[in-house]
Amino acid sequence: MKFIVVLILSLLFTIFVGTLTKNFIESNNDSLISPLVINTNESTNGSSLAKQVFVNNYYQYKIKYPLDVNIKNTSNGNVNLYKNKSINISISQEILKENDTINTQIKNNIETKKNLIKDQYILKNNISPIAIGLSTALTYSTEENGESYSYYYIPQNNNKYLVVINSSPDNGSDDYLISEEIIYSLEMLP
């Protein structure tokens, strides 16, 4: 009888240790980490504007956006911020090929689109550096098939960079200015 009790206890102990080991291994892999959304109240020019902070732990950045802007986080870490048809921002991450620079990648992207949509592609503003958070990013704007786009390339560690595309209509509306505020609020996580 003692033998059976010892056998059962040994089996239970083995299952317990196996489960702990499995959970530890799964918690330390490089899988997508859920984003964190934090409500904050920020004061701008004396008025109080309610904003949320979206933290993307997978791509290591945070961004502030108004409460009336929706956010969709896809399973691969890419993010879309949108409000009806007035705000449309996408954020993704790319990896530089060996011996490439972000500037080279931008030039390749421009040439590819020029060749693809030909006379429906207009480079409105050439590649220029800008500050986003503490990073020096590169930006340019285009008109593609009659729609305006602004592209932002923000360097990260390990040959990675964020690509932010603002396809919000630039019609002088407040929402276009808000889309720009959202982009310029982006900060890399330490």
Protein backbone atom coordinates (compact mmCIF):
# COMPACT_ATOMS: atom_id res chain seq x y z
CA MET A 1 0.00 0.00 0.00
CA LYS A 2 2.88 2.38 0.83
CA PHE A 3 4.31 1.69 -2.61
CA ILE A 4 1.09 2.87 -4.34
CA VAL A 5 0.90 6.05 -2.21
CA VAL A 6 4.54 6.87 -2.98
CA LEU A 7 3.94 6.16 -6.68
CA ILE A 8 0.88 8.44 -6.79
CA LEU A 9 2.70 11.22 -4.91
CA SER A 10 5.69 10.89 -7.27
CA LEU A 11 3.38 11.10 -10.28
CA LEU A 12 1.61 14.19 -8.90
CA PHE A 13 4.97 15.84 -8.12
CA THR A 14 6.24 15.09 -11.66
CA ILE A 15 3.07 16.62 -13.20
CA PHE A 16 3.40 19.68 -10.96
CA VAL A 17 7.08 20.26 -11.88
CA GLY A 18 6.32 19.67 -15.58
CA THR A 19 3.50 22.22 -15.53
CA LEU A 20 5.69 24.82 -13.79
CA THR A 21 8.50 24.26 -16.31
CA LYS A 22 6.12 24.54 -19.27
CA ASN A 23 4.62 27.80 -17.93
CA PHE A 24 8.10 29.24 -17.30
CA ILE A 25 9.29 28.42 -20.84
CA GLU A 26 6.11 29.85 -22.40
CA SER A 27 6.40 33.07 -20.39
CA ASN A 28 9.99 33.64 -21.56
CA ASN A 29 9.53 33.20 -25.31
CA ASP A 30 9.41 36.10 -27.77
CA SER A 31 5.68 35.93 -28.43
CA LEU A 32 3.41 38.93 -28.84
CA ILE A 33 2.86 40.69 -25.55
CA SER A 34 -0.55 42.22 -25.00
CA PRO A 35 -0.67 45.99 -25.34
CA LEU A 36 -1.56 48.19 -22.44
CA VAL A 37 -4.02 51.06 -22.66
CA ILE A 38 -3.93 53.62 -19.88
CA ASN A 39 -6.41 56.45 -19.45
CA THR A 40 -4.82 59.79 -18.66
CA ASN A 41 -5.99 63.37 -18.40
CA GLU A 42 -3.67 65.86 -19.98
CA SER A 43 -3.80 69.60 -19.91
CA THR A 44 -3.12 71.46 -23.15
CA ASN A 45 -3.10 75.26 -23.15
CA GLY A 46 -5.15 75.38 -19.98
CA SER A 47 -7.88 73.02 -21.19
CA SER A 48 -8.17 69.45 -20.01
CA LEU A 49 -8.24 66.88 -22.82
CA ALA A 50 -8.86 63.25 -22.02
CA LYS A 51 -6.35 61.03 -23.80
CA GLN A 52 -5.34 57.44 -23.67
CA VAL A 53 -1.86 56.02 -23.84
CA PHE A 54 -1.35 52.89 -25.92
CA VAL A 55 1.76 50.91 -25.01
CA ASN A 56 2.95 48.41 -27.60
CA ASN A 57 5.30 46.11 -25.68
CA TYR A 58 5.97 44.05 -28.80
CA TYR A 59 7.43 46.94 -30.85
CA GLN A 60 8.55 48.88 -27.74
CA TYR A 61 6.76 52.23 -28.07
CA LYS A 62 3.89 54.21 -26.59
CA ILE A 63 1.57 56.69 -28.24
CA LYS A 64 -1.13 59.09 -26.99
CA TYR A 65 -4.47 59.47 -28.71
CA PRO A 66 -7.86 61.08 -27.95
CA LEU A 67 -10.71 59.03 -26.51
CA ASP A 68 -12.78 59.30 -29.71
CA VAL A 69 -10.06 57.62 -31.81
CA ASN A 70 -10.29 53.83 -32.12
CA ILE A 71 -7.29 51.56 -32.05
CA LYS A 72 -6.91 48.10 -33.54
CA ASN A 73 -3.95 45.95 -32.54
CA THR A 74 -3.36 43.05 -34.92
CA SER A 75 -1.85 39.74 -33.87
CA ASN A 76 1.52 40.55 -35.47
CA GLY A 77 1.98 43.76 -33.44
CA ASN A 78 0.87 46.20 -36.13
CA VAL A 79 -1.52 48.94 -35.03
CA ASN A 80 -4.18 51.03 -36.77
CA LEU A 81 -5.63 54.19 -35.26
CA TYR A 82 -8.78 55.45 -36.92
CA LYS A 83 -11.81 57.71 -36.55
CA ASN A 84 -14.47 57.32 -39.23
CA LYS A 85 -12.75 58.45 -42.44
CA SER A 86 -11.08 61.48 -40.86
CA ILE A 87 -8.14 59.81 -39.08
CA ASN A 88 -6.28 56.79 -40.45
CA ILE A 89 -2.81 55.95 -39.09
CA SER A 90 -0.98 52.63 -39.33
CA ILE A 91 2.14 51.62 -37.42
CA SER A 92 4.26 48.60 -38.31
CA GLN A 93 7.83 47.47 -37.80
CA GLU A 94 10.36 46.52 -40.46
CA ILE A 95 13.89 45.12 -40.34
CA LEU A 96 16.70 46.57 -42.43
CA LYS A 97 18.52 44.23 -44.75
CA GLU A 98 22.25 43.84 -44.20
CA ASN A 99 24.20 46.95 -45.30
CA ASP A 100 20.96 48.92 -45.82
CA THR A 101 20.01 52.21 -44.21
CA ILE A 102 16.57 53.65 -43.60
CA ASN A 103 17.27 56.26 -46.27
CA THR A 104 18.08 53.50 -48.80
CA GLN A 105 14.91 51.65 -47.83
CA ILE A 106 12.82 54.79 -48.32
CA LYS A 107 14.33 55.41 -51.76
CA ASN A 108 13.60 51.79 -52.74
CA ASN A 109 9.98 52.13 -51.53
CA ILE A 110 9.54 55.36 -53.52
CA GLU A 111 10.96 53.80 -56.70
CA THR A 112 8.81 50.68 -56.30
CA LYS A 113 5.63 52.73 -55.99
CA LYS A 114 6.64 55.03 -58.87
CA ASN A 115 7.06 51.98 -61.08
CA LEU A 116 3.84 50.40 -59.85
CA ILE A 117 1.37 53.29 -60.20
CA LYS A 118 3.41 55.46 -62.60
CA ASP A 119 1.77 58.85 -63.25
CA GLN A 120 -0.62 58.35 -60.30
CA TYR A 121 2.36 58.77 -57.96
CA ILE A 122 3.55 62.25 -56.99
CA LEU A 123 6.31 62.87 -54.45
CA LYS A 124 5.00 66.02 -52.70
CA ASN A 125 7.70 66.48 -50.05
CA ASN A 126 11.14 64.93 -50.38
CA ILE A 127 12.84 62.89 -47.64
CA SER A 128 13.71 65.06 -44.64
CA PRO A 129 14.70 64.49 -41.00
CA ILE A 130 12.33 65.32 -38.15
CA ALA A 131 12.24 64.77 -34.39
CA ILE A 132 9.66 62.36 -33.01
CA GLY A 133 10.07 61.93 -29.28
CA LEU A 134 13.80 61.57 -28.69
CA SER A 135 14.37 59.97 -32.10
CA THR A 136 15.46 61.52 -35.36
CA ALA A 137 13.08 60.11 -37.93
CA LEU A 138 12.79 60.52 -41.68
CA THR A 139 9.61 61.63 -43.40
CA TYR A 140 8.22 62.32 -46.84
CA SER A 141 4.75 62.79 -48.32
CA THR A 142 3.13 61.58 -51.51
CA GLU A 143 -0.03 61.61 -53.53
CA GLU A 144 -0.96 58.11 -54.66
CA ASN A 145 -3.98 57.53 -56.86
CA GLY A 146 -5.34 60.92 -55.79
CA GLU A 147 -4.92 60.32 -52.03
CA SER A 148 -2.37 61.99 -49.74
CA TYR A 149 0.03 59.98 -47.58
CA SER A 150 2.70 60.99 -45.08
CA TYR A 151 5.35 58.40 -44.21
CA TYR A 152 7.50 58.40 -41.07
CA TYR A 153 10.45 56.05 -40.55
CA ILE A 154 11.60 55.90 -36.93
CA PRO A 155 14.82 54.01 -36.11
CA GLN A 156 14.97 51.41 -33.34
CA ASN A 157 17.63 49.03 -32.05
CA ASN A 158 18.88 45.90 -33.85
CA ASN A 159 18.33 47.19 -37.42
CA LYS A 160 14.60 47.60 -36.79
CA TYR A 161 12.50 50.65 -37.53
CA LEU A 162 8.88 51.72 -37.21
CA VAL A 163 6.93 52.74 -40.29
CA VAL A 164 4.08 55.14 -39.55
CA ILE A 165 1.72 55.92 -42.41
CA ASN A 166 -0.75 58.77 -42.06
CA SER A 167 -3.45 58.53 -44.73
CA SER A 168 -5.80 60.91 -42.94
CA PRO A 169 -7.26 63.38 -45.47
CA ASP A 170 -5.25 66.62 -45.42
CA ASN A 171 -8.18 68.96 -45.88
CA GLY A 172 -7.20 71.46 -43.19
CA SER A 173 -9.57 69.84 -40.69
CA ASP A 174 -8.97 69.58 -36.97
CA ASP A 175 -8.83 65.79 -37.32
CA TYR A 176 -5.82 66.01 -39.64
CA LEU A 177 -4.03 68.14 -37.03
CA ILE A 178 -5.00 65.60 -34.37
CA SER A 179 -3.55 62.79 -36.52
CA GLU A 180 -0.25 64.68 -36.63
CA GLU A 181 -0.36 65.21 -32.83
CA ILE A 182 -0.86 61.47 -32.37
CA ILE A 183 2.19 60.67 -34.51
CA TYR A 184 4.41 63.22 -32.77
CA SER A 185 3.41 61.82 -29.36
CA LEU A 186 5.13 58.50 -30.18
CA GLU A 187 7.93 57.62 -27.75
CA MET A 188 10.20 54.59 -27.67
CA LEU A 189 10.19 52.51 -24.51
CA PRO A 190 13.50 52.10 -22.68
